[in-house]
C-alpha atoms as a PDB file:
ATOM      1  CA  MET A   1     -16.502  20.974 -30.048  1.00  0.00           C
ATOM      2  CA  ASP A   2     -12.954  21.953 -29.130  1.00  0.00           C
ATOM      3  CA  CYS A   3     -14.163  22.911 -25.653  1.00  0.00           C
ATOM      4  CA  ILE A   4     -15.613  19.442 -25.130  1.00  0.00           C
ATOM      5  CA  LYS A   5     -12.383  17.816 -26.332  1.00  0.00           C
ATOM      6  CA  GLY A   6     -10.401  20.013 -23.937  1.00  0.00           C
ATOM      7  CA  ILE A   7     -12.614  19.114 -20.999  1.00  0.00           C
ATOM      8  CA  PHE A   8     -12.424  15.410 -21.858  1.00  0.00           C
ATOM      9  CA  LYS A   9      -8.639  15.579 -22.195  1.00  0.00           C
ATOM     10  CA  PHE A  10      -8.345  17.437 -18.869  1.00  0.00           C
ATOM     11  CA  PHE A  11     -10.443  14.854 -17.002  1.00  0.00           C
ATOM     12  CA  PHE A  12      -8.627  11.959 -18.662  1.00  0.00           C
ATOM     13  CA  ILE A  13      -5.220  13.343 -17.626  1.00  0.00           C
ATOM     14  CA  LEU A  14      -6.544  14.068 -14.134  1.00  0.00           C
ATOM     15  CA  PHE A  15      -7.907  10.525 -13.828  1.00  0.00           C
ATOM     16  CA  ALA A  16      -4.679   8.949 -15.129  1.00  0.00           C
ATOM     17  CA  THR A  17      -2.536  11.006 -12.759  1.00  0.00           C
ATOM     18  CA  THR A  18      -4.780  10.206  -9.809  1.00  0.00           C
ATOM     19  CA  ALA A  19      -4.701   6.491 -10.632  1.00  0.00           C
ATOM     20  CA  VAL A  20      -0.894   6.491 -10.738  1.00  0.00           C
ATOM     21  CA  VAL A  21      -0.587   8.393  -7.452  1.00  0.00           C
ATOM     22  CA  VAL A  22      -3.122   6.185  -5.674  1.00  0.00           C
ATOM     23  CA  GLY A  23      -1.450   3.040  -7.027  1.00  0.00           C
ATOM     24  CA  ALA A  24       1.949   4.197  -5.797  1.00  0.00           C
ATOM     25  CA  ALA A  25       0.532   5.055  -2.380  1.00  0.00           C
ATOM     26  CA  ILE A  26      -1.074   1.624  -2.074  1.00  0.00           C
ATOM     27  CA  ALA A  27       2.196  -0.062  -3.036  1.00  0.00           C
ATOM     28  CA  VAL A  28       4.144   1.914  -0.420  1.00  0.00           C
ATOM     29  CA  LEU A  29       1.575   1.185   2.291  1.00  0.00           C
ATOM     30  CA  ALA A  30       1.543  -2.511   1.412  1.00  0.00           C
ATOM     31  CA  PHE A  31       5.339  -2.630   1.668  1.00  0.00           C
ATOM     32  CA  VAL A  32       5.354  -0.863   5.046  1.00  0.00           C
ATOM     33  CA  PHE A  33       2.576  -3.028   6.487  1.00  0.00           C
ATOM     34  CA  LYS A  34       4.242  -6.201   5.210  1.00  0.00           C
ATOM     35  CA  LYS A  35       7.475  -5.200   6.939  1.00  0.00           C
ATOM     36  CA  ASP A  36       5.619  -4.455  10.192  1.00  0.00           C
ATOM     37  CA  PHE A  37       3.667  -7.715   9.969  1.00  0.00           C
ATOM     38  CA  GLU A  38       6.851  -9.747   9.469  1.00  0.00           C
ATOM     39  CA  GLU A  39       8.405  -8.049  12.522  1.00  0.00           C
ATOM     40  CA  LEU A  40       5.294  -8.775  14.594  1.00  0.00           C
ATOM     41  CA  GLU A  41       5.276 -12.387  13.411  1.00  0.00           C
ATOM     42  CA  GLN A  42       8.937 -12.820  14.411  1.00  0.00           C
ATOM     43  CA  LYS A  43       8.309 -11.379  17.889  1.00  0.00           C
ATOM     44  CA  THR A  44       5.302 -13.675  18.315  1.00  0.00           C
ATOM     45  CA  LYS A  45       7.406 -16.704  17.411  1.00  0.00           C
ATOM     46  CA  GLU A  46      10.047 -15.653  19.944  1.00  0.00           C
ATOM     47  CA  ILE A  47       7.445 -15.285  22.708  1.00  0.00           C
ATOM     48  CA  VAL A  48       5.891 -18.659  21.879  1.00  0.00           C
ATOM     49  CA  SER A  49       9.297 -20.372  21.909  1.00  0.00           C
ATOM     50  CA  GLU A  50      10.114 -18.792  25.286  1.00  0.00           C
ATOM     51  CA  ILE A  51       6.808 -20.006  26.738  1.00  0.00           C
ATOM     52  CA  GLU A  52       7.387 -23.507  25.359  1.00  0.00           C
ATOM     53  CA  ALA A  53      10.929 -23.551  26.770  1.00  0.00           C
ATOM     54  CA  ASN A  54       9.641 -22.659  30.253  1.00  0.00           C
ATOM     55  CA  ASN A  55       7.051 -25.446  30.252  1.00  0.00           C
END
């Protein structure tokens, strides 16, 4: 019985740790992609305003 409890505890800790690491990685990637998207959006607005100014 103690062996089963140990295995369950091991897998629970492994799952919890993995969930935290994956959650942190997703948060970092979301932050980086949001920053890149905002930069791309700003450049697009600049290009559109230049085209409109030339017409």
